[in-house]
Amino acid sequence: MKPLYYYISLALLLSFTACTKNFKELAENPNANSKVLPEALLAPALKNIVSYNMNRSQRITNELMQVTINMGDGDGKIFRYDIKTSEADYLWNNWYLELKNIKDIYTFGADLEQTNYMAISLICQSWVFSMLTDTYGDIPYTQALRGEEKNFTPVFDQQQDIYPALLDSLERANQLLKSNTDIKSTSDPIFHGDILKWRKFGNSLYLRLLLRIANKEPEKVAAKIKAIVADPVEYPIMTSNDESAILRWDGSTSYPSPFANWRPGDWYGPRLTNFFVDNLTERSDPRIEKWATLYEGEYAGVPSGYPVGQHPVGKSSLPTDLMTEPLLGNIMNYAEVQFILAEAVVRGWITEKPAKDYYEEGIKAAIQLWGYELPENYLTGEHVQWNDEASETEKLNQLFLQKYYALFFTDLETWFEYRRTGYPEIPKGAGLQNNGVMPARLNYPVYIQSTNAVNYRAAVDRQGPDNIQTEVWWQTK
């Protein structure tokens, strides 16, 4: 008898075809030819992906990056860098499942000569594949999503080959969107049909992914970022909060927040950390009102990474109002783009404006996105004021702390950025496992060792042991 996980894997692979078939039936246009309409696939795929990202941002990112602590002394406490191997399955399975639908948007868009949907598919594929490879390292890419061709054992591409392909896809999407009209607004829960905003998102994502590989290919990255910033006509990027890529949950039947039906106790059970709370209070940051509850009349956190048996008293937590907060559907916002550009100046790649200008604009945008005006004297405060005479290390730590808050609940992004840069500097508790070293990746789902054994073993032999210590390509020195 084959093990249970064999059948789980096979069912997942076959579901790629089944899901597409169901969408095809729903999307067939009775008044035209029998082509599938890509507009029917886009909204469900985006909704599902953002939901998965939010779920694991709450569970993984917040714990690793010291937003919250799921307090206790049992096994699998992620805030202690104790990650069970079963943690790997959720994102791998769900991201690949939705990638099939996103790829079909491109295929059906090509059939119908709808190049705008083809471009959106390329942007979304680059986004989701980047999260997959940043989470696991080498992954199936060129042979992925071929269940209809009976290929259930795809090879694992090397990350160093995947990233150039992702950047090429974004380059092509930018060209395809040059002369296109808007798409049907009801098919697009992110930009409501505005093609220029999709183009700006694609090019802004381009900047994010370029930074990810900057330590491996600094000259190539510097040249491309310079080219994008120097030519806003050829490469338009986000220029305001209104252009941020956010799936804003509206509470309707179609778009309820994925947290809306959670039990409140499950939501506020994890407690906020000292790091998350204290940096906000020291800066008199108004966002703390929406991000933290009061404990005995004040905002207070607990130390992350505390040793087993030294259980602290839980204090502030995430407010239950966040369970239906539209902004938690963030994919990429304008503030992040400004912080990307500030880093590019600090590293000497662009000179269009001083790093201070981008840094301060990023802070202002991040706070205004949450409905607050920038407090008076905020930018001149002791912990915020930019100093051009400071060391590069001091500048980057200051910049990345602000970026950390701008990326609140954005998939696994702050974990990816910490692994890339080591910023912001976070305290390390005495109770951390993994020798106190931040996990470098998630392991592959265990069932792959049986269902795709040859290609799994080739990837592990090439990349390194299948555990949380093995660094992915862009991390390696």
Protein backbone atom coordinates (compact mmCIF):
# COMPACT_ATOMS: atom_id res chain seq x y z
CA MET A 1 0.00 0.00 0.00
CA LYS A 2 1.22 3.51 -0.77
CA PRO A 3 1.43 5.94 2.18
CA LEU A 4 -1.35 8.45 2.79
CA TYR A 5 0.72 11.44 1.72
CA TYR A 6 1.12 9.87 -1.73
CA TYR A 7 -2.61 10.15 -2.28
CA ILE A 8 -2.70 13.64 -0.80
CA SER A 9 -0.01 14.73 -3.24
CA LEU A 10 -1.71 13.06 -6.19
CA ALA A 11 -5.05 14.61 -5.28
CA LEU A 12 -3.43 18.05 -5.12
CA LEU A 13 -1.80 17.61 -8.51
CA LEU A 14 -5.01 16.37 -10.10
CA SER A 15 -6.94 19.24 -8.53
CA PHE A 16 -4.99 21.65 -10.72
CA THR A 17 -6.95 20.23 -13.63
CA ALA A 18 -10.21 19.89 -11.73
CA CYS A 19 -10.19 23.46 -10.45
CA THR A 20 -9.49 24.80 -13.89
CA LYS A 21 -12.27 22.69 -15.35
CA ASN A 22 -14.81 24.12 -12.92
CA PHE A 23 -13.73 27.66 -13.65
CA LYS A 24 -13.97 26.95 -17.36
CA GLU A 25 -17.59 25.87 -16.99
CA LEU A 26 -18.42 29.03 -15.05
CA ALA A 27 -16.48 31.31 -17.36
CA GLU A 28 -17.75 30.15 -20.73
CA ASN A 29 -19.32 33.00 -22.66
CA PRO A 30 -22.58 31.76 -24.26
CA ASN A 31 -22.79 34.81 -26.54
CA ALA A 32 -19.39 34.38 -28.16
CA ASN A 33 -17.05 31.58 -29.00
CA SER A 34 -16.27 28.85 -26.50
CA LYS A 35 -13.10 30.42 -25.14
CA VAL A 36 -12.57 30.73 -21.39
CA LEU A 37 -12.75 34.25 -20.04
CA PRO A 38 -9.66 35.05 -17.96
CA GLU A 39 -11.63 37.66 -16.03
CA ALA A 40 -13.44 34.83 -14.23
CA LEU A 41 -10.19 33.42 -12.85
CA LEU A 42 -8.45 36.56 -11.61
CA ALA A 43 -10.50 37.63 -8.59
CA PRO A 44 -10.82 34.16 -6.99
CA ALA A 45 -7.09 33.52 -7.38
CA LEU A 46 -6.10 36.89 -5.88
CA LYS A 47 -8.55 36.51 -3.02
CA ASN A 48 -7.23 33.07 -2.15
CA ILE A 49 -3.55 33.99 -2.39
CA VAL A 50 -3.90 37.06 -0.19
CA SER A 51 -5.89 35.00 2.31
CA TYR A 52 -3.14 32.36 2.48
CA ASN A 53 -0.52 35.08 2.88
CA MET A 54 -2.38 36.76 5.73
CA ASN A 55 -2.87 33.45 7.49
CA ARG A 56 0.84 32.66 7.48
CA SER A 57 1.84 36.23 8.19
CA GLN A 58 -0.12 35.90 11.43
CA ARG A 59 1.28 32.46 12.16
CA ILE A 60 4.88 32.60 10.89
CA THR A 61 6.07 36.12 10.09
CA ASN A 62 4.68 37.74 13.22
CA GLU A 63 6.31 35.08 15.40
CA LEU A 64 9.73 35.07 13.72
CA MET A 65 9.90 38.86 13.38
CA GLN A 66 8.75 39.65 16.91
CA VAL A 67 5.35 41.13 16.33
CA THR A 68 3.60 38.51 18.47
CA ILE A 69 4.34 35.53 20.71
CA ASN A 70 2.08 32.48 20.71
CA MET A 71 2.92 31.95 24.35
CA GLY A 72 3.56 28.56 25.89
CA ASP A 73 6.22 25.89 26.30
CA GLY A 74 5.00 23.17 23.92
CA ASP A 75 6.64 21.97 20.73
CA GLY A 76 6.45 23.98 17.53
CA LYS A 77 6.71 27.44 19.08
CA ILE A 78 7.81 29.43 16.07
CA PHE A 79 8.90 32.44 18.12
CA ARG A 80 11.63 30.15 19.53
CA TYR A 81 12.71 29.13 16.00
CA ASP A 82 11.10 25.73 16.57
CA ILE A 83 9.34 24.96 13.29
CA LYS A 84 7.68 21.61 12.68
CA THR A 85 8.25 20.00 9.28
CA SER A 86 4.47 19.95 8.68
CA GLU A 87 4.52 23.76 8.60
CA ALA A 88 5.86 23.56 5.05
CA ASP A 89 2.76 22.06 3.44
CA TYR A 90 0.25 24.90 3.68
CA LEU A 91 1.93 27.55 1.54
CA TRP A 92 3.53 25.12 -0.91
CA ASN A 93 0.24 23.38 -1.67
CA ASN A 94 -1.93 26.48 -1.82
CA TRP A 95 0.46 28.71 -3.73
CA TYR A 96 0.97 26.07 -6.42
CA LEU A 97 -2.76 25.43 -6.62
CA GLU A 98 -3.48 29.09 -7.34
CA LEU A 99 -0.53 29.41 -9.69
CA LYS A 100 -2.29 26.99 -11.99
CA ASN A 101 -5.26 29.35 -12.21
CA ILE A 102 -2.97 32.34 -12.72
CA LYS A 103 -1.14 30.54 -15.50
CA ASP A 104 -4.48 29.75 -17.14
CA ILE A 105 -5.26 33.48 -17.15
CA TYR A 106 -2.24 33.90 -19.42
CA THR A 107 -3.19 30.95 -21.63
CA PHE A 108 -6.81 31.99 -22.06
CA GLY A 109 -5.80 35.63 -22.47
CA ALA A 110 -3.51 34.61 -25.32
CA ASP A 111 -6.32 32.58 -26.92
CA LEU A 112 -8.58 35.64 -26.82
CA GLU A 113 -5.81 38.13 -27.68
CA GLN A 114 -6.34 39.91 -24.37
CA THR A 115 -2.79 41.03 -23.70
CA ASN A 116 -3.76 42.97 -20.58
CA TYR A 117 -4.74 39.74 -18.79
CA MET A 118 -1.60 38.08 -20.11
CA ALA A 119 0.48 40.84 -18.49
CA ILE A 120 -1.42 40.65 -15.20
CA SER A 121 -0.82 36.91 -15.16
CA LEU A 122 2.93 37.45 -15.66
CA ILE A 123 3.01 39.93 -12.77
CA CYS A 124 1.09 37.60 -10.47
CA GLN A 125 3.18 34.60 -11.46
CA SER A 126 6.35 36.55 -10.65
CA TRP A 127 4.90 37.60 -7.30
CA VAL A 128 3.83 34.10 -6.20
CA PHE A 129 6.84 32.23 -7.59
CA SER A 130 9.12 34.73 -5.84
CA MET A 131 7.42 33.97 -2.52
CA LEU A 132 7.78 30.24 -3.16
CA THR A 133 11.48 30.36 -3.97
CA ASP A 134 12.20 32.84 -1.16
CA THR A 135 10.50 30.47 1.28
CA TYR A 136 11.92 27.12 0.10
CA GLY A 137 14.88 27.84 -2.20
CA ASP A 138 15.07 25.69 -5.33
CA ILE A 139 11.55 24.81 -6.51
CA PRO A 140 9.72 23.41 -9.54
CA TYR A 141 9.42 26.29 -12.01
CA THR A 142 9.94 25.46 -15.69
CA GLN A 143 8.16 22.10 -15.34
CA ALA A 144 5.66 23.19 -12.68
CA LEU A 145 1.88 23.19 -13.24
CA ARG A 146 1.93 20.49 -15.92
CA GLY A 147 -0.51 18.07 -14.35
CA GLU A 148 -2.63 18.16 -17.51
CA GLU A 149 0.42 16.83 -19.36
CA LYS A 150 0.75 14.00 -16.79
CA ASN A 151 3.96 15.49 -15.43
CA PHE A 152 3.59 14.96 -11.68
CA THR A 153 7.34 14.84 -10.97
CA PRO A 154 8.76 18.21 -12.06
CA VAL A 155 12.43 19.02 -11.70
CA PHE A 156 13.48 21.64 -9.16
CA ASP A 157 14.99 24.72 -10.80
CA GLN A 158 17.84 26.51 -9.06
CA GLN A 159 16.92 29.83 -7.49
CA GLN A 160 19.74 31.52 -9.39
CA ASP A 161 17.96 30.53 -12.63
CA ILE A 162 14.46 31.31 -11.40
CA TYR A 163 15.12 34.94 -10.52
CA PRO A 164 16.26 36.05 -14.01
CA ALA A 165 13.12 34.40 -15.41
CA LEU A 166 10.91 36.30 -12.95
CA LEU A 167 12.55 39.58 -13.88
CA ASP A 168 12.13 38.79 -17.58
CA SER A 169 8.42 38.17 -16.97
CA LEU A 170 8.05 41.56 -15.30
CA GLU A 171 9.94 43.19 -18.18
CA ARG A 172 7.55 41.60 -20.65
CA ALA A 173 4.49 42.56 -18.60
CA ASN A 174 5.63 46.18 -18.62
CA GLN A 175 5.81 46.12 -22.40
CA LEU A 176 2.44 44.40 -22.82
CA LEU A 177 0.70 47.00 -20.65
CA LYS A 178 2.00 50.01 -22.58
CA SER A 179 -0.97 50.47 -24.85
CA ASN A 180 -3.79 48.59 -23.19
CA THR A 181 -7.15 49.80 -22.04
CA ASP A 182 -8.58 49.05 -18.61
CA ILE A 183 -10.01 45.63 -17.81
CA LYS A 184 -13.41 44.80 -16.35
CA SER A 185 -13.46 46.38 -12.90
CA THR A 186 -15.43 43.56 -11.25
CA SER A 187 -12.75 41.05 -12.25
CA ASP A 188 -10.05 42.95 -10.35
CA PRO A 189 -10.29 43.34 -6.55
CA ILE A 190 -6.89 45.07 -6.36
CA PHE A 191 -7.02 47.98 -8.82
CA HIS A 192 -10.62 47.68 -10.07
CA GLY A 193 -9.56 47.48 -13.70
CA ASP A 194 -6.97 50.29 -13.77
CA ILE A 195 -4.26 48.96 -16.07
CA LEU A 196 -1.80 51.79 -15.36
CA LYS A 197 -1.86 50.84 -11.69
CA TRP A 198 -1.14 47.23 -12.62
CA ARG A 199 1.81 48.42 -14.66
CA LYS A 200 3.10 50.49 -11.74
CA PHE A 201 2.70 47.52 -9.41
CA GLY A 202 4.63 45.28 -11.80
CA ASN A 203 7.54 47.70 -12.00
CA SER A 204 7.50 48.31 -8.24
CA LEU A 205 7.60 44.55 -7.71
CA TYR A 206 10.53 44.55 -10.14
CA LEU A 207 12.39 46.82 -7.70
CA ARG A 208 11.59 44.52 -4.76
CA LEU A 209 12.89 41.45 -6.55
CA LEU A 210 16.00 43.24 -7.76
CA LEU A 211 16.86 44.08 -4.17
CA ARG A 212 16.40 40.45 -3.18
CA ILE A 213 19.35 39.40 -5.37
CA ALA A 214 21.44 42.51 -4.79
CA ASN A 215 24.04 40.70 -2.67
CA LYS A 216 24.64 38.18 -5.48
CA GLU A 217 24.58 40.47 -8.52
CA PRO A 218 25.21 44.02 -7.25
CA GLU A 219 26.33 45.55 -10.54
CA LYS A 220 23.38 44.17 -12.51
CA VAL A 221 20.93 45.22 -9.82
CA ALA A 222 22.39 48.71 -9.49
CA ALA A 223 22.24 49.29 -13.24
CA LYS A 224 18.64 48.12 -13.57
CA ILE A 225 17.35 50.09 -10.59
CA LYS A 226 19.07 53.17 -11.98
CA ALA A 227 17.43 52.59 -15.37
CA ILE A 228 13.97 52.18 -13.85
CA VAL A 229 14.22 55.28 -11.66
CA ALA A 230 15.69 57.39 -14.46
CA ASP A 231 12.84 56.68 -16.90
CA PRO A 232 9.38 56.93 -15.28
CA VAL A 233 7.72 56.95 -18.70
CA GLU A 234 9.19 53.60 -19.69
CA TYR A 235 9.01 52.21 -16.15
CA PRO A 236 6.21 53.89 -14.17
CA ILE A 237 6.21 52.93 -10.49
CA MET A 238 3.89 53.68 -7.56
CA THR A 239 3.73 57.39 -6.76
CA SER A 240 1.07 57.55 -4.02
CA ASN A 241 -0.83 55.47 -1.49
CA ASP A 242 -3.74 55.32 -3.93
CA GLU A 243 -1.58 53.15 -6.19
CA SER A 244 -0.71 50.60 -3.51
CA ALA A 245 -1.50 46.96 -4.30
CA ILE A 246 -3.94 46.08 -1.53
CA LEU A 247 -6.91 43.73 -1.60
CA ARG A 248 -9.13 45.80 0.68
CA TRP A 249 -11.56 43.44 2.37
CA ASP A 250 -14.95 45.17 2.29
CA GLY A 251 -16.92 42.77 4.47
CA SER A 252 -19.18 41.70 1.61
CA THR A 253 -20.03 38.11 0.83
CA SER A 254 -17.43 38.17 -1.94
CA TYR A 255 -14.65 39.82 0.06
CA PRO A 256 -14.83 39.12 3.79
CA SER A 257 -11.53 39.20 5.63
CA PRO A 258 -10.13 35.68 6.11
CA PHE A 259 -9.90 36.49 9.83
CA ALA A 260 -13.52 37.61 10.12
CA ASN A 261 -14.79 34.22 11.31
CA TRP A 262 -11.96 33.48 13.70
CA ARG A 263 -12.79 33.11 17.37
CA PRO A 264 -11.66 36.33 19.11
CA GLY A 265 -9.67 34.31 21.64
CA ASP A 266 -7.59 32.74 18.88
CA TRP A 267 -6.85 36.21 17.53
CA TYR A 268 -5.80 37.98 20.70
CA GLY A 269 -4.21 34.89 22.28
CA PRO A 270 -0.73 35.70 20.90
CA ARG A 271 0.69 38.68 22.77
CA LEU A 272 2.66 41.58 21.33
CA THR A 273 6.39 41.73 21.93
CA ASN A 274 8.54 44.35 23.61
CA PHE A 275 10.28 45.00 20.31
CA PHE A 276 7.10 45.70 18.38
CA VAL A 277 5.45 47.84 21.07
CA ASP A 278 8.43 49.73 22.48
CA ASN A 279 9.66 51.03 19.13
CA LEU A 280 6.21 52.42 18.39
CA THR A 281 5.81 54.06 21.80
CA GLU A 282 9.32 55.55 21.75
CA ARG A 283 8.46 57.26 18.49
CA SER A 284 4.93 58.28 19.54
CA ASP A 285 3.73 56.45 16.45
CA PRO A 286 -0.06 56.86 16.13
CA ARG A 287 -0.50 53.47 14.45
CA ILE A 288 -0.14 51.77 17.82
CA GLU A 289 -3.76 52.73 18.50
CA LYS A 290 -4.88 50.36 15.74
CA TRP A 291 -2.23 47.71 16.25
CA ALA A 292 -2.22 47.16 20.03
CA THR A 293 -4.61 46.87 22.96
CA LEU A 294 -3.96 48.58 26.27
CA TYR A 295 -2.75 46.56 29.25
CA GLU A 296 -3.41 48.19 32.62
CA GLY A 297 -3.73 51.55 30.88
CA GLU A 298 -0.62 51.40 28.72
CA TYR A 299 0.85 49.63 25.70
CA ALA A 300 3.18 46.90 26.88
CA GLY A 301 4.83 43.88 25.29
CA VAL A 302 6.60 40.75 26.46
CA PRO A 303 10.11 39.51 25.57
CA SER A 304 10.32 37.16 22.60
CA GLY A 305 12.46 34.04 22.79
CA TYR A 306 12.02 33.61 26.53
CA PRO A 307 13.33 30.29 27.93
CA VAL A 308 11.08 27.32 28.58
CA GLY A 309 9.64 27.51 32.09
CA GLN A 310 10.03 31.30 32.36
CA HIS A 311 6.57 32.21 31.10
CA PRO A 312 6.03 36.01 31.29
CA VAL A 313 2.71 37.70 31.94
CA GLY A 314 0.93 38.37 28.65
CA LYS A 315 0.21 42.03 28.05
CA SER A 316 -0.94 43.93 24.93
CA SER A 317 -2.33 41.99 21.97
CA LEU A 318 -3.62 42.67 18.46
CA PRO A 319 -7.05 44.36 18.70
CA THR A 320 -10.02 42.35 17.44
CA ASP A 321 -10.91 45.23 15.09
CA LEU A 322 -7.98 44.06 12.93
CA MET A 323 -9.86 40.84 12.20
CA THR A 324 -11.90 42.78 9.62
CA GLU A 325 -9.33 45.44 8.75
CA PRO A 326 -9.20 46.04 4.95
CA LEU A 327 -5.53 47.07 4.99
CA LEU A 328 -4.32 43.66 6.13
CA GLY A 329 -4.75 42.58 2.51
CA ASN A 330 -1.52 44.40 1.62
CA ILE A 331 0.54 42.99 -1.26
CA MET A 332 2.87 45.93 -1.87
CA ASN A 333 2.40 49.55 -0.87
CA TYR A 334 3.81 52.91 -1.89
CA ALA A 335 5.76 53.30 1.35
CA GLU A 336 7.72 50.13 0.60
CA VAL A 337 8.71 51.56 -2.78
CA GLN A 338 10.04 54.70 -1.10
CA PHE A 339 12.10 52.64 1.34
CA ILE A 340 13.47 50.59 -1.57
CA LEU A 341 14.63 53.81 -3.23
CA ALA A 342 16.10 55.11 0.02
CA GLU A 343 18.16 51.92 0.33
CA ALA A 344 19.30 52.30 -3.28
CA VAL A 345 20.64 55.77 -2.46
CA VAL A 346 22.39 54.58 0.70
CA ARG A 347 24.09 51.83 -1.30
CA GLY A 348 25.18 54.35 -3.95
CA TRP A 349 23.04 53.05 -6.82
CA ILE A 350 20.90 56.10 -7.58
CA THR A 351 21.30 59.84 -7.02
CA GLU A 352 18.01 61.34 -8.21
CA LYS A 353 17.13 62.48 -4.69
CA PRO A 354 18.76 62.23 -1.26
CA ALA A 355 18.03 59.12 0.80
CA LYS A 356 16.45 61.41 3.42
CA ASP A 357 13.71 62.46 0.97
CA TYR A 358 12.72 58.90 0.12
CA TYR A 359 12.97 57.82 3.77
CA GLU A 360 10.75 60.63 5.04
CA GLU A 361 8.23 60.17 2.24
CA GLY A 362 8.06 56.47 3.07
CA ILE A 363 7.35 57.20 6.73
CA LYS A 364 4.70 59.77 5.87
CA ALA A 365 2.99 57.43 3.40
CA ALA A 366 3.07 54.47 5.80
CA ILE A 367 1.39 56.44 8.58
CA GLN A 368 -1.14 58.12 6.29
CA LEU A 369 -2.12 54.77 4.81
CA TRP A 370 -3.51 53.87 8.23
CA GLY A 371 -5.60 57.04 8.40
CA TYR A 372 -3.30 59.27 10.46
CA GLU A 373 -1.52 62.48 9.65
CA LEU A 374 2.19 62.58 10.30
CA PRO A 375 2.58 63.85 13.89
CA GLU A 376 4.30 67.18 14.35
CA ASN A 377 8.03 66.78 14.97
CA TYR A 378 7.86 63.03 14.20
CA LEU A 379 10.61 63.24 11.58
CA THR A 380 12.89 65.22 13.90
CA GLY A 381 12.48 62.86 16.84
CA GLU A 382 15.55 61.25 18.40
CA HIS A 383 14.84 57.79 16.98
CA VAL A 384 13.58 58.89 13.58
CA GLN A 385 15.61 61.87 12.36
CA TRP A 386 17.80 61.06 9.36
CA ASN A 387 21.51 61.80 9.68
CA ASP A 388 23.52 61.83 6.49
CA GLU A 389 26.71 61.60 8.57
CA ALA A 390 25.68 58.32 10.20
CA SER A 391 27.30 55.04 9.18
CA GLU A 392 25.71 52.87 6.53
CA THR A 393 24.82 50.34 9.23
CA GLU A 394 23.04 52.99 11.31
CA LYS A 395 21.17 54.30 8.27
CA LEU A 396 20.02 50.87 7.15
CA ASN A 397 18.88 49.79 10.60
CA GLN A 398 16.88 53.01 10.95
CA LEU A 399 15.42 52.63 7.47
CA PHE A 400 14.51 48.97 7.86
CA LEU A 401 12.77 49.51 11.17
CA GLN A 402 10.38 51.89 9.43
CA LYS A 403 10.04 49.44 6.53
CA TYR A 404 9.25 46.70 9.05
CA TYR A 405 6.17 48.60 10.21
CA ALA A 406 5.17 49.54 6.66
CA LEU A 407 5.10 45.81 5.85
CA PHE A 408 2.76 44.93 8.73
CA PHE A 409 0.92 41.71 7.77
CA THR A 410 2.50 41.54 4.29
CA ASP A 411 2.92 37.79 3.65
CA LEU A 412 6.45 36.70 4.75
CA GLU A 413 8.09 39.90 3.55
CA THR A 414 9.78 41.16 6.73
CA TRP A 415 11.26 37.67 7.26
CA PHE A 416 12.59 37.68 3.69
CA GLU A 417 14.07 41.14 4.18
CA TYR A 418 15.66 40.24 7.50
CA ARG A 419 17.28 37.19 5.92
CA ARG A 420 18.58 39.39 3.09
CA THR A 421 19.91 42.24 5.23
CA GLY A 422 19.94 41.37 8.94
CA TYR A 423 17.76 44.44 9.60
CA PRO A 424 16.06 45.62 11.64
CA GLU A 425 18.25 44.47 14.51
CA ILE A 426 16.01 42.39 16.77
CA PRO A 427 16.86 41.15 20.28
CA LYS A 428 17.65 37.45 20.71
CA GLY A 429 16.14 35.74 23.73
CA ALA A 430 17.93 33.05 25.73
CA GLY A 431 15.27 30.48 24.89
CA LEU A 432 15.81 30.45 21.12
CA GLN A 433 16.50 27.14 19.41
CA ASN A 434 18.46 26.68 16.15
CA ASN A 435 21.52 28.10 17.95
CA GLY A 436 19.75 31.44 18.04
CA VAL A 437 20.01 31.80 14.26
CA MET A 438 16.98 33.03 12.33
CA PRO A 439 15.55 30.17 10.21
CA ALA A 440 16.80 30.52 6.65
CA ARG A 441 13.92 28.73 4.90
CA LEU A 442 11.12 26.23 5.37
CA ASN A 443 11.73 22.58 4.57
CA TYR A 444 10.02 20.99 1.58
CA PRO A 445 6.74 19.16 2.30
CA VAL A 446 7.62 15.68 3.54
CA TYR A 447 5.38 13.89 1.04
CA ILE A 448 7.59 15.10 -1.83
CA GLN A 449 10.32 12.74 -0.64
CA SER A 450 8.06 9.91 -1.82
CA THR A 451 6.07 11.43 -4.67
CA ASN A 452 8.98 13.17 -6.43
CA ALA A 453 11.95 11.40 -4.87
CA VAL A 454 14.52 11.71 -7.68
CA ASN A 455 14.07 15.44 -8.21
CA TYR A 456 13.74 16.10 -4.49
CA ARG A 457 17.04 14.36 -3.82
CA ALA A 458 18.77 16.24 -6.64
CA ALA A 459 17.60 19.55 -5.17
CA VAL A 460 18.75 18.63 -1.66
CA ASP A 461 22.12 17.37 -2.89
CA ARG A 462 22.64 20.64 -4.73
CA GLN A 463 21.18 23.13 -2.26
CA GLY A 464 22.00 21.50 1.08
CA PRO A 465 20.16 19.60 3.83
CA ASP A 466 16.38 19.98 3.80
CA ASN A 467 16.11 21.91 7.04
CA ILE A 468 15.72 25.46 8.34
CA GLN A 469 19.50 26.02 8.53
CA THR A 470 20.21 25.76 4.80
CA GLU A 471 20.42 29.18 3.20
CA VAL A 472 18.87 29.87 -0.18
CA TRP A 473 21.02 31.14 -3.06
CA TRP A 474 20.50 34.88 -2.50
CA GLN A 475 21.47 34.50 1.18
CA THR A 476 24.72 32.62 0.65
CA LYS A 477 27.97 34.55 0.92
